[in-house]
């Protein structure tokens, strides 16, 4: 896994905009998430790696996704000094 990803709200918004251009239903973030999961599966399936490595990578992705989710939820729950959380405009 990559040590330093540049994940930002702006990147996520741009990805969702690309998905919306493909399918209007992606205005719903849960539909956009399904597309992103499908794209991840598609890209991984297309890689010429042994099945054991593929399964291992899927397990790492699952754990990584859960960690990103937990980190963001913790940030959202923490009081911020300016009255705006990470998702504030």
C-alpha atoms as a PDB file:
ATOM      1  CA  UNK A   1       0.000   0.000   0.000  1.00  0.00           C
ATOM      2  CA  UNK A   2       1.091   3.546  -0.616  1.00  0.00           C
ATOM      3  CA  UNK A   3       2.589   5.307   2.365  1.00  0.00           C
ATOM      4  CA  UNK A   4       1.341   8.791   1.522  1.00  0.00           C
ATOM      5  CA  UNK A   5      -1.884   9.302  -0.342  1.00  0.00           C
ATOM      6  CA  UNK A   6      -3.088  12.822  -1.057  1.00  0.00           C
ATOM      7  CA  UNK A   7      -6.741  12.345  -0.102  1.00  0.00           C
ATOM      8  CA  UNK A   8      -8.672  15.604   0.051  1.00  0.00           C
ATOM      9  CA  UNK A   9     -12.278  16.673  -0.006  1.00  0.00           C
ATOM     10  CA  UNK A  10     -11.555  18.334  -3.350  1.00  0.00           C
ATOM     11  CA  UNK A  11     -10.301  15.068  -4.864  1.00  0.00           C
ATOM     12  CA  UNK A  12     -13.336  13.181  -3.596  1.00  0.00           C
ATOM     13  CA  UNK A  13     -15.651  15.865  -5.000  1.00  0.00           C
ATOM     14  CA  UNK A  14     -13.951  15.737  -8.409  1.00  0.00           C
ATOM     15  CA  UNK A  15     -14.202  11.942  -8.505  1.00  0.00           C
ATOM     16  CA  UNK A  16     -17.899  12.167  -7.708  1.00  0.00           C
ATOM     17  CA  UNK A  17     -18.351  14.781 -10.457  1.00  0.00           C
ATOM     18  CA  UNK A  18     -16.780  12.394 -12.979  1.00  0.00           C
ATOM     19  CA  UNK A  19     -19.118   9.649 -11.814  1.00  0.00           C
ATOM     20  CA  UNK A  20     -22.141  11.964 -12.058  1.00  0.00           C
ATOM     21  CA  UNK A  21     -21.156  12.784 -15.657  1.00  0.00           C
ATOM     22  CA  UNK A  22     -21.315   9.035 -16.314  1.00  0.00           C
ATOM     23  CA  UNK A  23     -24.438   8.319 -14.239  1.00  0.00           C
ATOM     24  CA  UNK A  24     -26.684  11.007 -12.712  1.00  0.00           C
ATOM     25  CA  UNK A  25     -27.559   8.649  -9.861  1.00  0.00           C
ATOM     26  CA  UNK A  26     -24.081   9.329  -8.488  1.00  0.00           C
ATOM     27  CA  UNK A  27     -25.404  12.567  -6.992  1.00  0.00           C
ATOM     28  CA  UNK A  28     -26.298  10.098  -4.247  1.00  0.00           C
ATOM     29  CA  UNK A  29     -22.965   9.474  -2.476  1.00  0.00           C
ATOM     30  CA  UNK A  30     -23.940   5.876  -1.735  1.00  0.00           C
ATOM     31  CA  UNK A  31     -24.286   5.166  -5.459  1.00  0.00           C
ATOM     32  CA  UNK A  32     -20.940   6.902  -6.083  1.00  0.00           C
ATOM     33  CA  UNK A  33     -19.356   4.679  -3.412  1.00  0.00           C
ATOM     34  CA  UNK A  34     -20.702   1.594  -5.178  1.00  0.00           C
ATOM     35  CA  UNK A  35     -19.124   2.742  -8.433  1.00  0.00           C
ATOM     36  CA  UNK A  36     -15.786   3.370  -6.704  1.00  0.00           C
ATOM     37  CA  UNK A  37     -15.870  -0.090  -5.157  1.00  0.00           C
ATOM     38  CA  UNK A  38     -16.709  -1.602  -8.546  1.00  0.00           C
ATOM     39  CA  UNK A  39     -13.867   0.307 -10.224  1.00  0.00           C
ATOM     40  CA  UNK A  40     -11.478  -0.924  -7.525  1.00  0.00           C
ATOM     41  CA  UNK A  41     -12.557  -4.511  -8.121  1.00  0.00           C
ATOM     42  CA  UNK A  42     -12.305  -4.048 -11.876  1.00  0.00           C
ATOM     43  CA  UNK A  43      -8.787  -2.615 -11.726  1.00  0.00           C
ATOM     44  CA  UNK A  44      -7.569  -5.281  -9.332  1.00  0.00           C
ATOM     45  CA  UNK A  45      -9.080  -8.089 -11.421  1.00  0.00           C
ATOM     46  CA  UNK A  46      -7.240  -6.744 -14.481  1.00  0.00           C
ATOM     47  CA  UNK A  47      -3.823  -6.975 -12.802  1.00  0.00           C
ATOM     48  CA  UNK A  48      -1.584  -9.927 -13.647  1.00  0.00           C
ATOM     49  CA  UNK A  49      -0.930 -11.072 -10.074  1.00  0.00           C
ATOM     50  CA  UNK A  50      -1.267 -14.489  -8.462  1.00  0.00           C
ATOM     51  CA  UNK A  51      -4.620 -15.215  -6.810  1.00  0.00           C
ATOM     52  CA  UNK A  52      -2.998 -15.388  -3.366  1.00  0.00           C
ATOM     53  CA  UNK A  53      -1.599 -11.868  -3.760  1.00  0.00           C
ATOM     54  CA  UNK A  54      -4.929 -10.634  -5.132  1.00  0.00           C
ATOM     55  CA  UNK A  55      -6.826 -11.970  -2.093  1.00  0.00           C
ATOM     56  CA  UNK A  56      -4.199 -10.522   0.252  1.00  0.00           C
ATOM     57  CA  UNK A  57      -4.466  -7.122  -1.424  1.00  0.00           C
ATOM     58  CA  UNK A  58      -8.271  -7.191  -1.146  1.00  0.00           C
ATOM     59  CA  UNK A  59      -7.900  -7.844   2.588  1.00  0.00           C
ATOM     60  CA  UNK A  60      -5.475  -4.912   2.878  1.00  0.00           C
ATOM     61  CA  UNK A  61      -7.865  -2.675   0.941  1.00  0.00           C
ATOM     62  CA  UNK A  62     -10.724  -3.627   3.244  1.00  0.00           C
ATOM     63  CA  UNK A  63      -8.668  -2.804   6.336  1.00  0.00           C
ATOM     64  CA  UNK A  64      -7.383   0.425   4.746  1.00  0.00           C
ATOM     65  CA  UNK A  65     -10.890   1.570   3.801  1.00  0.00           C
ATOM     66  CA  UNK A  66     -12.117   0.855   7.323  1.00  0.00           C
ATOM     67  CA  UNK A  67      -9.212   2.835   8.794  1.00  0.00           C
ATOM     68  CA  UNK A  68      -9.854   5.851   6.543  1.00  0.00           C
ATOM     69  CA  UNK A  69     -13.540   5.668   7.507  1.00  0.00           C
ATOM     70  CA  UNK A  70     -12.717   5.478  11.230  1.00  0.00           C
ATOM     71  CA  UNK A  71     -10.223   8.348  10.980  1.00  0.00           C
ATOM     72  CA  UNK A  72     -12.707  10.647   9.254  1.00  0.00           C
ATOM     73  CA  UNK A  73     -15.515   9.743  11.667  1.00  0.00           C
ATOM     74  CA  UNK A  74     -13.195  10.547  14.582  1.00  0.00           C
ATOM     75  CA  UNK A  75     -12.289  13.895  13.008  1.00  0.00           C
ATOM     76  CA  UNK A  76     -15.970  14.691  12.487  1.00  0.00           C
ATOM     77  CA  UNK A  77     -16.762  13.834  16.106  1.00  0.00           C
ATOM     78  CA  UNK A  78     -13.915  15.972  17.517  1.00  0.00           C
ATOM     79  CA  UNK A  79     -14.810  19.562  18.310  1.00  0.00           C
ATOM     80  CA  UNK A  80     -13.015  22.023  16.044  1.00  0.00           C
ATOM     81  CA  UNK A  81     -11.837  25.432  17.137  1.00  0.00           C
ATOM     82  CA  UNK A  82     -13.545  27.342  14.319  1.00  0.00           C
ATOM     83  CA  UNK A  83     -16.982  25.740  14.515  1.00  0.00           C
ATOM     84  CA  UNK A  84     -16.549  24.011  11.184  1.00  0.00           C
ATOM     85  CA  UNK A  85     -15.827  20.325  10.787  1.00  0.00           C
ATOM     86  CA  UNK A  86     -13.869  18.707   7.959  1.00  0.00           C
ATOM     87  CA  UNK A  87     -16.929  18.546   5.728  1.00  0.00           C
ATOM     88  CA  UNK A  88     -17.919  22.197   6.201  1.00  0.00           C
ATOM     89  CA  UNK A  89     -17.965  24.389   3.076  1.00  0.00           C
END
